[in-house]
Amino acid sequence: MCPGLLDITKEADNLWFLRFITRVDELTKLSRLRLSTLLKIPGVGRKYAAEIRAGQSHASSSHEVEWVSEMIIEDARRILALKNDIQALESRCKTLMQASQTAKLIDSIPGFAVVCAS
């Protein structure tokens, strides 16, 4: 929908990129975000903020963006929420695993991690 937008991060599920997308209610507004706003987005930092600002001057959107913008932003919000839920579950698994000798033993087997062991 916005050619060149993914060139900065190369990954659509990158956390700062998802946070960047969800800062607006319409994707075309991404080209107008100020540096101060970009720097408030967790994970962006000066490096990515500079790259985003450089891309903003020649940013363009396809004509379909007005139809799908809301869906893309909502999908990004859902992905962020799911990533937070996964992180919380993994943290809980780690806590539970510490209370189980069996889980600790399973965790010592190569290839098993906290989630599988717990």
PDB file of N, CA and C in Angstrom:
ATOM      1  N   MET A   1       0.817  -1.201   0.000  1.00  0.00           N
ATOM      2  CA  MET A   1       0.000   0.000   0.000  1.00  0.00           C
ATOM      3  C   MET A   1       0.851   1.251   0.000  1.00  0.00           C
ATOM      4  N   CYS A   2       1.988   1.181   0.663  1.00  0.00           N
ATOM      5  CA  CYS A   2       2.896   2.326   0.752  1.00  0.00           C
ATOM      6  C   CYS A   2       4.288   1.858   0.320  1.00  0.00           C
ATOM      7  N   PRO A   3       4.561   1.905  -0.973  1.00  0.00           N
ATOM      8  CA  PRO A   3       5.848   1.409  -1.472  1.00  0.00           C
ATOM      9  C   PRO A   3       7.028   2.055  -0.734  1.00  0.00           C
ATOM     10  N   GLY A   4       7.976   1.233  -0.344  1.00  0.00           N
ATOM     11  CA  GLY A   4       9.163   1.716   0.334  1.00  0.00           C
ATOM     12  C   GLY A   4       9.060   1.730   1.846  1.00  0.00           C
ATOM     13  N   LEU A   5       7.859   1.584   2.379  1.00  0.00           N
ATOM     14  CA  LEU A   5       7.679   1.645   3.823  1.00  0.00           C
ATOM     15  C   LEU A   5       8.412   0.518   4.539  1.00  0.00           C
ATOM     16  N   LEU A   6       8.372  -0.674   3.966  1.00  0.00           N
ATOM     17  CA  LEU A   6       9.052  -1.807   4.593  1.00  0.00           C
ATOM     18  C   LEU A   6      10.559  -1.818   4.331  1.00  0.00           C
ATOM     19  N   ASP A   7      11.023  -0.980   3.420  1.00  0.00           N
ATOM     20  CA  ASP A   7      12.455  -0.951   3.127  1.00  0.00           C
ATOM     21  C   ASP A   7      13.289  -0.575   4.352  1.00  0.00           C
ATOM     22  N   ILE A   8      12.702   0.180   5.265  1.00  0.00           N
ATOM     23  CA  ILE A   8      13.435   0.624   6.450  1.00  0.00           C
ATOM     24  C   ILE A   8      13.704  -0.532   7.398  1.00  0.00           C
ATOM     25  N   THR A   9      12.705  -1.357   7.622  1.00  0.00           N
ATOM     26  CA  THR A   9      12.825  -2.419   8.620  1.00  0.00           C
ATOM     27  C   THR A   9      13.007  -3.812   8.036  1.00  0.00           C
ATOM     28  N   LYS A  10      12.495  -4.044   6.847  1.00  0.00           N
ATOM     29  CA  LYS A  10      12.553  -5.344   6.166  1.00  0.00           C
ATOM     30  C   LYS A  10      11.644  -6.397   6.796  1.00  0.00           C
ATOM     31  N   GLU A  11      11.041  -6.103   7.955  1.00  0.00           N
ATOM     32  CA  GLU A  11      10.201  -7.074   8.646  1.00  0.00           C
ATOM     33  C   GLU A  11       8.897  -6.427   9.080  1.00  0.00           C
ATOM     34  N   ALA A  12       7.791  -6.969   8.632  1.00  0.00           N
ATOM     35  CA  ALA A  12       6.489  -6.392   8.959  1.00  0.00           C
ATOM     36  C   ALA A  12       6.095  -6.619  10.411  1.00  0.00           C
ATOM     37  N   ASP A  13       6.730  -7.563  11.102  1.00  0.00           N
ATOM     38  CA  ASP A  13       6.357  -7.804  12.496  1.00  0.00           C
ATOM     39  C   ASP A  13       7.352  -7.210  13.489  1.00  0.00           C
ATOM     40  N   ASN A  14       8.214  -6.338  13.006  1.00  0.00           N
ATOM     41  CA  ASN A  14       9.152  -5.628  13.857  1.00  0.00           C
ATOM     42  C   ASN A  14       8.370  -4.745  14.838  1.00  0.00           C
ATOM     43  N   LEU A  15       8.702  -4.795  16.113  1.00  0.00           N
ATOM     44  CA  LEU A  15       7.928  -4.079  17.125  1.00  0.00           C
ATOM     45  C   LEU A  15       7.859  -2.577  16.897  1.00  0.00           C
ATOM     46  N   TRP A  16       9.003  -1.938  16.619  1.00  0.00           N
ATOM     47  CA  TRP A  16       8.942  -0.482  16.444  1.00  0.00           C
ATOM     48  C   TRP A  16       8.151  -0.133  15.199  1.00  0.00           C
ATOM     49  N   PHE A  17       8.218  -0.984  14.178  1.00  0.00           N
ATOM     50  CA  PHE A  17       7.480  -0.737  12.941  1.00  0.00           C
ATOM     51  C   PHE A  17       5.977  -0.832  13.187  1.00  0.00           C
ATOM     52  N   LEU A  18       5.555  -1.837  13.945  1.00  0.00           N
ATOM     53  CA  LEU A  18       4.136  -1.972  14.282  1.00  0.00           C
ATOM     54  C   LEU A  18       3.665  -0.786  15.118  1.00  0.00           C
ATOM     55  N   ARG A  19       4.502  -0.359  16.051  1.00  0.00           N
ATOM     56  CA  ARG A  19       4.150   0.817  16.864  1.00  0.00           C
ATOM     57  C   ARG A  19       4.070   2.073  16.006  1.00  0.00           C
ATOM     58  N   PHE A  20       4.956   2.178  15.032  1.00  0.00           N
ATOM     59  CA  PHE A  20       4.953   3.304  14.095  1.00  0.00           C
ATOM     60  C   PHE A  20       3.634   3.344  13.326  1.00  0.00           C
ATOM     61  N   ILE A  21       3.225   2.213  12.793  1.00  0.00           N
ATOM     62  CA  ILE A  21       1.984   2.131  12.019  1.00  0.00           C
ATOM     63  C   ILE A  21       0.770   2.501  12.867  1.00  0.00           C
ATOM     64  N   THR A  22       0.783   2.100  14.133  1.00  0.00           N
ATOM     65  CA  THR A  22      -0.390   2.326  14.974  1.00  0.00           C
ATOM     66  C   THR A  22      -0.442   3.731  15.575  1.00  0.00           C
ATOM     67  N   ARG A  23       0.517   4.583  15.251  1.00  0.00           N
ATOM     68  CA  ARG A  23       0.500   5.967  15.743  1.00  0.00           C
ATOM     69  C   ARG A  23      -0.528   6.831  15.024  1.00  0.00           C
ATOM     70  N   VAL A  24      -1.074   6.330  13.933  1.00  0.00           N
ATOM     71  CA  VAL A  24      -2.013   7.120  13.129  1.00  0.00           C
ATOM     72  C   VAL A  24      -3.315   6.345  12.946  1.00  0.00           C
ATOM     73  N   ASP A  25      -4.339   7.055  12.501  1.00  0.00           N
ATOM     74  CA  ASP A  25      -5.607   6.387  12.215  1.00  0.00           C
ATOM     75  C   ASP A  25      -5.798   6.176  10.718  1.00  0.00           C
ATOM     76  N   GLU A  26      -4.820   6.618   9.939  1.00  0.00           N
ATOM     77  CA  GLU A  26      -4.836   6.451   8.486  1.00  0.00           C
ATOM     78  C   GLU A  26      -3.385   6.424   8.012  1.00  0.00           C
ATOM     79  N   LEU A  27      -3.015   5.427   7.209  1.00  0.00           N
ATOM     80  CA  LEU A  27      -1.611   5.241   6.818  1.00  0.00           C
ATOM     81  C   LEU A  27      -1.010   6.441   6.092  1.00  0.00           C
ATOM     82  N   THR A  28      -1.808   7.181   5.366  1.00  0.00           N
ATOM     83  CA  THR A  28      -1.258   8.335   4.641  1.00  0.00           C
ATOM     84  C   THR A  28      -0.705   9.383   5.600  1.00  0.00           C
ATOM     85  N   LYS A  29      -1.144   9.370   6.853  1.00  0.00           N
ATOM     86  CA  LYS A  29      -0.658  10.341   7.836  1.00  0.00           C
ATOM     87  C   LYS A  29       0.754  10.021   8.326  1.00  0.00           C
ATOM     88  N   LEU A  30       1.248   8.827   8.042  1.00  0.00           N
ATOM     89  CA  LEU A  30       2.601   8.462   8.461  1.00  0.00           C
ATOM     90  C   LEU A  30       3.640   9.390   7.843  1.00  0.00           C
ATOM     91  N   SER A  31       3.363   9.879   6.660  1.00  0.00           N
ATOM     92  CA  SER A  31       4.330  10.746   5.982  1.00  0.00           C
ATOM     93  C   SER A  31       4.418  12.127   6.619  1.00  0.00           C
ATOM     94  N   ARG A  32       3.509  12.419   7.555  1.00  0.00           N
ATOM     95  CA  ARG A  32       3.507  13.745   8.192  1.00  0.00           C
ATOM     96  C   ARG A  32       3.907  13.711   9.666  1.00  0.00           C
ATOM     97  N   LEU A  33       4.291  12.556  10.176  1.00  0.00           N
ATOM     98  CA  LEU A  33       4.702  12.485  11.576  1.00  0.00           C
ATOM     99  C   LEU A  33       5.974  13.293  11.793  1.00  0.00           C
ATOM    100  N   ARG A  34       5.984  14.057  12.855  1.00  0.00           N
ATOM    101  CA  ARG A  34       7.148  14.896  13.181  1.00  0.00           C
ATOM    102  C   ARG A  34       8.237  14.068  13.849  1.00  0.00           C
ATOM    103  N   LEU A  35       9.443  14.603  13.811  1.00  0.00           N
ATOM    104  CA  LEU A  35      10.580  13.936  14.437  1.00  0.00           C
ATOM    105  C   LEU A  35      10.312  13.701  15.921  1.00  0.00           C
ATOM    106  N   SER A  36       9.761  14.679  16.594  1.00  0.00           N
ATOM    107  CA  SER A  36       9.484  14.537  18.029  1.00  0.00           C
ATOM    108  C   SER A  36       8.517  13.380  18.294  1.00  0.00           C
ATOM    109  N   THR A  37       7.540  13.186  17.419  1.00  0.00           N
ATOM    110  CA  THR A  37       6.593  12.080  17.552  1.00  0.00           C
ATOM    111  C   THR A  37       7.288  10.756  17.293  1.00  0.00           C
ATOM    112  N   LEU A  38       8.118  10.720  16.262  1.00  0.00           N
ATOM    113  CA  LEU A  38       8.847   9.490  15.930  1.00  0.00           C
ATOM    114  C   LEU A  38       9.735   9.051  17.088  1.00  0.00           C
ATOM    115  N   LEU A  39      10.386  10.003  17.724  1.00  0.00           N
ATOM    116  CA  LEU A  39      11.301   9.673  18.819  1.00  0.00           C
ATOM    117  C   LEU A  39      10.572   9.186  20.068  1.00  0.00           C
ATOM    118  N   LYS A  40       9.276   9.418  20.155  1.00  0.00           N
ATOM    119  CA  LYS A  40       8.489   8.930  21.285  1.00  0.00           C
ATOM    120  C   LYS A  40       8.038   7.480  21.095  1.00  0.00           C
ATOM    121  N   ILE A  41       8.189   6.953  19.897  1.00  0.00           N
ATOM    122  CA  ILE A  41       7.781   5.581  19.618  1.00  0.00           C
ATOM    123  C   ILE A  41       8.866   4.641  20.141  1.00  0.00           C
ATOM    124  N   PRO A  42       8.512   3.761  21.091  1.00  0.00           N
ATOM    125  CA  PRO A  42       9.516   2.835  21.635  1.00  0.00           C
ATOM    126  C   PRO A  42      10.195   2.017  20.541  1.00  0.00           C
ATOM    127  N   GLY A  43      11.513   2.031  20.563  1.00  0.00           N
ATOM    128  CA  GLY A  43      12.286   1.240  19.615  1.00  0.00           C
ATOM    129  C   GLY A  43      12.716   1.975  18.358  1.00  0.00           C
ATOM    130  N   VAL A  44      12.174   3.159  18.107  1.00  0.00           N
ATOM    131  CA  VAL A  44      12.540   3.876  16.886  1.00  0.00           C
ATOM    132  C   VAL A  44      13.934   4.462  17.018  1.00  0.00           C
ATOM    133  N   GLY A  45      14.180   5.290  17.971  1.00  0.00           N
ATOM    134  CA  GLY A  45      15.501   5.887  18.154  1.00  0.00           C
ATOM    135  C   GLY A  45      15.884   6.829  17.030  1.00  0.00           C
ATOM    136  N   ARG A  46      17.035   7.434  17.160  1.00  0.00           N
ATOM    137  CA  ARG A  46      17.485   8.454  16.190  1.00  0.00           C
ATOM    138  C   ARG A  46      17.791   7.864  14.815  1.00  0.00           C
ATOM    139  N   LYS A  47      18.358   6.655  14.788  1.00  0.00           N
ATOM    140  CA  LYS A  47      18.723   6.035  13.507  1.00  0.00           C
ATOM    141  C   LYS A  47      17.492   5.820  12.628  1.00  0.00           C
ATOM    142  N   TYR A  48      16.497   5.111  13.159  1.00  0.00           N
ATOM    143  CA  TYR A  48      15.305   4.846  12.365  1.00  0.00           C
ATOM    144  C   TYR A  48      14.488   6.111  12.137  1.00  0.00           C
ATOM    145  N   ALA A  49      14.481   7.014  13.113  1.00  0.00           N
ATOM    146  CA  ALA A  49      13.756   8.266  12.933  1.00  0.00           C
ATOM    147  C   ALA A  49      14.331   9.032  11.742  1.00  0.00           C
ATOM    148  N   ALA A  50      15.642   9.038  11.610  1.00  0.00           N
ATOM    149  CA  ALA A  50      16.288   9.722  10.481  1.00  0.00           C
ATOM    150  C   ALA A  50      15.920   9.041   9.161  1.00  0.00           C
ATOM    151  N   GLU A  51      15.892   7.712   9.152  1.00  0.00           N
ATOM    152  CA  GLU A  51      15.524   6.993   7.935  1.00  0.00           C
ATOM    153  C   GLU A  51      14.059   7.228   7.571  1.00  0.00           C
ATOM    154  N   ILE A  52      13.212   7.250   8.578  1.00  0.00           N
ATOM    155  CA  ILE A  52      11.787   7.508   8.331  1.00  0.00           C
ATOM    156  C   ILE A  52      11.611   8.920   7.786  1.00  0.00           C
ATOM    157  N   ARG A  53      12.261   9.884   8.430  1.00  0.00           N
ATOM    158  CA  ARG A  53      12.149  11.278   7.974  1.00  0.00           C
ATOM    159  C   ARG A  53      12.636  11.432   6.537  1.00  0.00           C
ATOM    160  N   ALA A  54      13.725  10.740   6.195  1.00  0.00           N
ATOM    161  CA  ALA A  54      14.252  10.813   4.827  1.00  0.00           C
ATOM    162  C   ALA A  54      13.240  10.249   3.835  1.00  0.00           C
ATOM    163  N   GLY A  55      12.550   9.181   4.223  1.00  0.00           N
ATOM    164  CA  GLY A  55      11.564   8.566   3.342  1.00  0.00           C
ATOM    165  C   GLY A  55      10.263   9.341   3.253  1.00  0.00           C
ATOM    166  N   GLN A  56       9.966  10.139   4.257  1.00  0.00           N
ATOM    167  CA  GLN A  56       8.714  10.887   4.274  1.00  0.00           C
ATOM    168  C   GLN A  56       8.619  11.895   3.129  1.00  0.00           C
ATOM    169  N   SER A  57       9.736  12.446   2.739  1.00  0.00           N
ATOM    170  CA  SER A  57       9.704  13.483   1.703  1.00  0.00           C
ATOM    171  C   SER A  57       9.237  12.949   0.344  1.00  0.00           C
ATOM    172  N   HIS A  58       9.462  11.683   0.085  1.00  0.00           N
ATOM    173  CA  HIS A  58       9.033  11.115  -1.202  1.00  0.00           C
ATOM    174  C   HIS A  58       8.051   9.945  -1.018  1.00  0.00           C
ATOM    175  N   ALA A  59       7.410   9.901   0.144  1.00  0.00           N
ATOM    176  CA  ALA A  59       6.440   8.827   0.422  1.00  0.00           C
ATOM    177  C   ALA A  59       5.229   8.946  -0.489  1.00  0.00           C
ATOM    178  N   SER A  60       4.754   7.799  -0.918  1.00  0.00           N
ATOM    179  CA  SER A  60       3.545   7.766  -1.742  1.00  0.00           C
ATOM    180  C   SER A  60       2.708   6.562  -1.319  1.00  0.00           C
ATOM    181  N   SER A  61       1.439   6.648  -1.610  1.00  0.00           N
ATOM    182  CA  SER A  61       0.524   5.560  -1.275  1.00  0.00           C
ATOM    183  C   SER A  61      -0.273   5.194  -2.507  1.00  0.00           C
ATOM    184  N   SER A  62      -0.623   3.925  -2.606  1.00  0.00           N
ATOM    185  CA  SER A  62      -1.477   3.511  -3.712  1.00  0.00           C
ATOM    186  C   SER A  62      -2.890   4.017  -3.451  1.00  0.00           C
ATOM    187  N   HIS A  63      -3.708   4.036  -4.469  1.00  0.00           N
ATOM    188  CA  HIS A  63      -5.068   4.536  -4.294  1.00  0.00           C
ATOM    189  C   HIS A  63      -5.916   3.618  -3.407  1.00  0.00           C
ATOM    190  N   GLU A  64      -5.509   2.361  -3.232  1.00  0.00           N
ATOM    191  CA  GLU A  64      -6.241   1.426  -2.392  1.00  0.00           C
ATOM    192  C   GLU A  64      -6.041   1.681  -0.899  1.00  0.00           C
ATOM    193  N   VAL A  65      -5.050   2.482  -0.563  1.00  0.00           N
ATOM    194  CA  VAL A  65      -4.717   2.673   0.849  1.00  0.00           C
ATOM    195  C   VAL A  65      -5.895   3.210   1.650  1.00  0.00           C
ATOM    196  N   GLU A  66      -6.732   4.031   1.054  1.00  0.00           N
ATOM    197  CA  GLU A  66      -7.875   4.568   1.798  1.00  0.00           C
ATOM    198  C   GLU A  66      -8.869   3.473   2.178  1.00  0.00           C
ATOM    199  N   TRP A  67      -8.911   2.397   1.415  1.00  0.00           N
ATOM    200  CA  TRP A  67      -9.841   1.299   1.688  1.00  0.00           C
ATOM    201  C   TRP A  67      -9.303   0.334   2.740  1.00  0.00           C
ATOM    202  N   VAL A  68      -8.002   0.140   2.758  1.00  0.00           N
ATOM    203  CA  VAL A  68      -7.425  -0.893   3.618  1.00  0.00           C
ATOM    204  C   VAL A  68      -6.630  -0.336   4.796  1.00  0.00           C
ATOM    205  N   SER A  69      -6.433   0.944   4.842  1.00  0.00           N
ATOM    206  CA  SER A  69      -5.641   1.568   5.896  1.00  0.00           C
ATOM    207  C   SER A  69      -6.118   1.162   7.283  1.00  0.00           C
ATOM    208  N   GLU A  70      -7.399   1.277   7.521  1.00  0.00           N
ATOM    209  CA  GLU A  70      -7.972   0.946   8.828  1.00  0.00           C
ATOM    210  C   GLU A  70      -7.720  -0.518   9.195  1.00  0.00           C
ATOM    211  N   MET A  71      -7.849  -1.414   8.218  1.00  0.00           N
ATOM    212  CA  MET A  71      -7.628  -2.840   8.470  1.00  0.00           C
ATOM    213  C   MET A  71      -6.169  -3.132   8.806  1.00  0.00           C
ATOM    214  N   ILE A  72      -5.253  -2.496   8.079  1.00  0.00           N
ATOM    215  CA  ILE A  72      -3.824  -2.717   8.318  1.00  0.00           C
ATOM    216  C   ILE A  72      -3.441  -2.226   9.709  1.00  0.00           C
ATOM    217  N   ILE A  73      -3.931  -1.062  10.085  1.00  0.00           N
ATOM    218  CA  ILE A  73      -3.632  -0.504  11.407  1.00  0.00           C
ATOM    219  C   ILE A  73      -4.218  -1.395  12.497  1.00  0.00           C
ATOM    220  N   GLU A  74      -5.436  -1.853  12.311  1.00  0.00           N
ATOM    221  CA  GLU A  74      -6.061  -2.741  13.301  1.00  0.00           C
ATOM    222  C   GLU A  74      -5.300  -4.062  13.391  1.00  0.00           C
ATOM    223  N   ASP A  75      -4.856  -4.601  12.268  1.00  0.00           N
ATOM    224  CA  ASP A  75      -4.054  -5.831  12.285  1.00  0.00           C
ATOM    225  C   ASP A  75      -2.749  -5.601  13.057  1.00  0.00           C
ATOM    226  N   ALA A  76      -2.112  -4.464  12.850  1.00  0.00           N
ATOM    227  CA  ALA A  76      -0.872  -4.142  13.571  1.00  0.00           C
ATOM    228  C   ALA A  76      -1.142  -4.068  15.073  1.00  0.00           C
ATOM    229  N   ARG A  77      -2.264  -3.482  15.455  1.00  0.00           N
ATOM    230  CA  ARG A  77      -2.631  -3.407  16.879  1.00  0.00           C
ATOM    231  C   ARG A  77      -2.848  -4.808  17.456  1.00  0.00           C
ATOM    232  N   ARG A  78      -3.505  -5.668  16.681  1.00  0.00           N
ATOM    233  CA  ARG A  78      -3.734  -7.039  17.150  1.00  0.00           C
ATOM    234  C   ARG A  78      -2.426  -7.805  17.291  1.00  0.00           C
ATOM    235  N   ILE A  79      -1.519  -7.619  16.346  1.00  0.00           N
ATOM    236  CA  ILE A  79      -0.215  -8.295  16.421  1.00  0.00           C
ATOM    237  C   ILE A  79       0.535  -7.833  17.661  1.00  0.00           C
ATOM    238  N   LEU A  80       0.528  -6.531  17.925  1.00  0.00           N
ATOM    239  CA  LEU A  80       1.188  -6.016  19.132  1.00  0.00           C
ATOM    240  C   LEU A  80       0.560  -6.607  20.399  1.00  0.00           C
ATOM    241  N   ALA A  81      -0.757  -6.667  20.434  1.00  0.00           N
ATOM    242  CA  ALA A  81      -1.442  -7.228  21.599  1.00  0.00           C
ATOM    243  C   ALA A  81      -1.093  -8.703  21.775  1.00  0.00           C
ATOM    244  N   LEU A  82      -1.067  -9.450  20.671  1.00  0.00           N
ATOM    245  CA  LEU A  82      -0.709 -10.870  20.743  1.00  0.00           C
ATOM    246  C   LEU A  82       0.730 -11.056  21.200  1.00  0.00           C
ATOM    247  N   LYS A  83       1.637 -10.230  20.713  1.00  0.00           N
ATOM    248  CA  LYS A  83       3.035 -10.320  21.142  1.00  0.00           C
ATOM    249  C   LYS A  83       3.149 -10.061  22.639  1.00  0.00           C
ATOM    250  N   ASN A  84       2.387  -9.102  23.153  1.00  0.00           N
ATOM    251  CA  ASN A  84       2.384  -8.838  24.597  1.00  0.00           C
ATOM    252  C   ASN A  84       1.830 -10.027  25.366  1.00  0.00           C
ATOM    253  N   ASP A  85       0.744 -10.616  24.853  1.00  0.00           N
ATOM    254  CA  ASP A  85       0.155 -11.791  25.505  1.00  0.00           C
ATOM    255  C   ASP A  85       1.132 -12.960  25.526  1.00  0.00           C
ATOM    256  N   ILE A  86       1.818 -13.178  24.426  1.00  0.00           N
ATOM    257  CA  ILE A  86       2.802 -14.261  24.338  1.00  0.00           C
ATOM    258  C   ILE A  86       3.927 -14.037  25.345  1.00  0.00           C
ATOM    259  N   GLN A  87       4.400 -12.811  25.418  1.00  0.00           N
ATOM    260  CA  GLN A  87       5.474 -12.483  26.362  1.00  0.00           C
ATOM    261  C   GLN A  87       5.021 -12.742  27.804  1.00  0.00           C
ATOM    262  N   ALA A  88       3.792 -12.357  28.123  1.00  0.00           N
ATOM    263  CA  ALA A  88       3.260 -12.588  29.472  1.00  0.00           C
ATOM    264  C   ALA A  88       3.142 -14.079  29.760  1.00  0.00           C
ATOM    265  N   LEU A  89       2.675 -14.858  28.778  1.00  0.00           N
ATOM    266  CA  LEU A  89       2.558 -16.303  28.964  1.00  0.00           C
ATOM    267  C   LEU A  89       3.921 -16.964  29.138  1.00  0.00           C
ATOM    268  N   GLU A  90       4.898 -16.522  28.353  1.00  0.00           N
ATOM    269  CA  GLU A  90       6.246 -17.081  28.481  1.00  0.00           C
ATOM    270  C   GLU A  90       6.839 -16.758  29.856  1.00  0.00           C
ATOM    271  N   SER A  91       6.567 -15.570  30.346  1.00  0.00           N
ATOM    272  CA  SER A  91       7.040 -15.189  31.673  1.00  0.00           C
ATOM    273  C   SER A  91       6.393 -16.063  32.745  1.00  0.00           C
ATOM    274  N   ARG A  92       5.107 -16.300  32.587  1.00  0.00           N
ATOM    275  CA  ARG A  92       4.395 -17.163  33.544  1.00  0.00           C
ATOM    276  C   ARG A  92       4.932 -18.598  33.482  1.00  0.00           C
ATOM    277  N   CYS A  93       5.190 -19.073  32.260  1.00  0.00           N
ATOM    278  CA  CYS A  93       5.756 -20.421  32.099  1.00  0.00           C
ATOM    279  C   CYS A  93       7.101 -20.520  32.807  1.00  0.00           C
ATOM    280  N   LYS A  94       7.914 -19.494  32.680  1.00  0.00           N
ATOM    281  CA  LYS A  94       9.227 -19.499  33.316  1.00  0.00           C
ATOM    282  C   LYS A  94       9.090 -19.570  34.832  1.00  0.00           C
ATOM    283  N   THR A  95       8.142 -18.805  35.365  1.00  0.00           N
ATOM    284  CA  THR A  95       7.897 -18.837  36.811  1.00  0.00           C
ATOM    285  C   THR A  95       7.429 -20.215  37.248  1.00  0.00           C
ATOM    286  N   LEU A  96       6.490 -20.786  36.500  1.00  0.00           N
ATOM    287  CA  LEU A  96       5.973 -22.116  36.831  1.00  0.00           C
ATOM    288  C   LEU A  96       7.061 -23.180  36.726  1.00  0.00           C
ATOM    289  N   MET A  97       7.917 -23.032  35.721  1.00  0.00           N
ATOM    290  CA  MET A  97       8.972 -24.008  35.511  1.00  0.00           C
ATOM    291  C   MET A  97       9.937 -24.038  36.693  1.00  0.00           C
ATOM    292  N   GLN A  98      10.193 -22.892  37.272  1.00  0.00           N
ATOM    293  CA  GLN A  98      11.120 -22.821  38.402  1.00  0.00           C
ATOM    294  C   GLN A  98      10.616 -23.610  39.608  1.00  0.00           C
ATOM    295  N   ALA A  99       9.306 -23.840  39.663  1.00  0.00           N
ATOM    296  CA  ALA A  99       8.721 -24.577  40.786  1.00  0.00           C
ATOM    297  C   ALA A  99       8.631 -26.077  40.530  1.00  0.00           C
ATOM    298  N   SER A 100       9.083 -26.518  39.366  1.00  0.00           N
ATOM    299  CA  SER A 100       8.946 -27.931  39.012  1.00  0.00           C
ATOM    300  C   SER A 100      10.296 -28.552  38.682  1.00  0.00           C
ATOM    301  N   GLN A 101      10.660 -29.555  39.434  1.00  0.00           N
ATOM    302  CA  GLN A 101      11.907 -30.275  39.169  1.00  0.00           C
ATOM    303  C   GLN A 101      11.862 -30.961  37.800  1.00  0.00           C
ATOM    304  N   THR A 102      10.710 -31.519  37.459  1.00  0.00           N
ATOM    305  CA  THR A 102      10.556 -32.195  36.163  1.00  0.00           C
ATOM    306  C   THR A 102      10.760 -31.201  35.024  1.00  0.00           C
ATOM    307  N   ALA A 103      10.156 -30.035  35.153  1.00  0.00           N
ATOM    308  CA  ALA A 103      10.297 -29.015  34.106  1.00  0.00           C
ATOM    309  C   ALA A 103      11.746 -28.567  33.975  1.00  0.00           C
ATOM    310  N   LYS A 104      12.436 -28.421  35.089  1.00  0.00           N
ATOM    311  CA  LYS A 104      13.852 -28.042  35.048  1.00  0.00           C
ATOM    312  C   LYS A 104      14.672 -29.115  34.332  1.00  0.00           C
ATOM    313  N   LEU A 105      14.363 -30.363  34.601  1.00  0.00           N
ATOM    314  CA  LEU A 105      15.065 -31.470  33.961  1.00  0.00           C
ATOM    315  C   LEU A 105      14.815 -31.459  32.449  1.00  0.00           C
ATOM    316  N   ILE A 106      13.554 -31.293  32.070  1.00  0.00           N
ATOM    317  CA  ILE A 106      13.207 -31.245  30.642  1.00  0.00           C
ATOM    318  C   ILE A 106      13.896 -30.056  29.975  1.00  0.00           C
ATOM    319  N   ASP A 107      13.967 -28.924  30.667  1.00  0.00           N
ATOM    320  CA  ASP A 107      14.614 -27.722  30.122  1.00  0.00           C
ATOM    321  C   ASP A 107      16.100 -27.948  29.851  1.00  0.00           C
ATOM    322  N   SER A 108      16.698 -28.885  30.549  1.00  0.00           N
ATOM    323  CA  SER A 108      18.128 -29.158  30.353  1.00  0.00           C
ATOM    324  C   SER A 108      18.398 -29.964  29.074  1.00  0.00           C
ATOM    325  N   ILE A 109      17.362 -30.497  28.463  1.00  0.00           N
ATOM    326  CA  ILE A 109      17.513 -31.274  27.234  1.00  0.00           C
ATOM    327  C   ILE A 109      17.638 -30.307  26.056  1.00  0.00           C
ATOM    328  N   PRO A 110      18.690 -30.456  25.239  1.00  0.00           N
ATOM    329  CA  PRO A 110      18.848 -29.569  24.082  1.00  0.00           C
ATOM    330  C   PRO A 110      17.603 -29.617  23.173  1.00  0.00           C
ATOM    331  N   GLY A 111      17.177 -28.450  22.757  1.00  0.00           N
ATOM    332  CA  GLY A 111      16.006 -28.362  21.889  1.00  0.00           C
ATOM    333  C   GLY A 111      14.732 -28.009  22.610  1.00  0.00           C
ATOM    334  N   PHE A 112      14.734 -28.210  23.905  1.00  0.00           N
ATOM    335  CA  PHE A 112      13.571 -27.830  24.712  1.00  0.00           C
ATOM    336  C   PHE A 112      13.815 -26.442  25.283  1.00  0.00           C
ATOM    337  N   ALA A 113      12.794 -25.657  25.326  1.00  0.00           N
ATOM    338  CA  ALA A 113      12.905 -24.324  25.902  1.00  0.00           C
ATOM    339  C   ALA A 113      11.883 -24.181  27.016  1.00  0.00           C
ATOM    340  N   VAL A 114      11.758 -23.002  27.532  1.00  0.00           N
ATOM    341  CA  VAL A 114      10.900 -22.743  28.686  1.00  0.00           C
ATOM    342  C   VAL A 114       9.462 -23.184  28.441  1.00  0.00           C
ATOM    343  N   VAL A 115       8.891 -22.847  27.314  1.00  0.00           N
ATOM    344  CA  VAL A 115       7.480 -23.163  27.049  1.00  0.00           C
ATOM    345  C   VAL A 115       7.269 -24.672  27.022  1.00  0.00           C
ATOM    346  N   CYS A 116       8.096 -25.382  26.275  1.00  0.00           N
ATOM    347  CA  CYS A 116       7.940 -26.844  26.186  1.00  0.00           C
ATOM    348  C   CYS A 116       8.215 -27.499  27.538  1.00  0.00           C
ATOM    349  N   ALA A 117       9.216 -27.033  28.228  1.00  0.00           N
ATOM    350  CA  ALA A 117       9.576 -27.630  29.514  1.00  0.00           C
ATOM    351  C   ALA A 117       8.494 -27.380  30.558  1.00  0.00           C
ATOM    352  N   SER A 118       7.929 -26.214  30.549  1.00  0.00           N
ATOM    353  CA  SER A 118       6.900 -25.927  31.561  1.00  0.00           C
ATOM    354  C   SER A 118       5.613 -26.665  31.242  1.00  0.00           C
TER     355      SER A 118
END
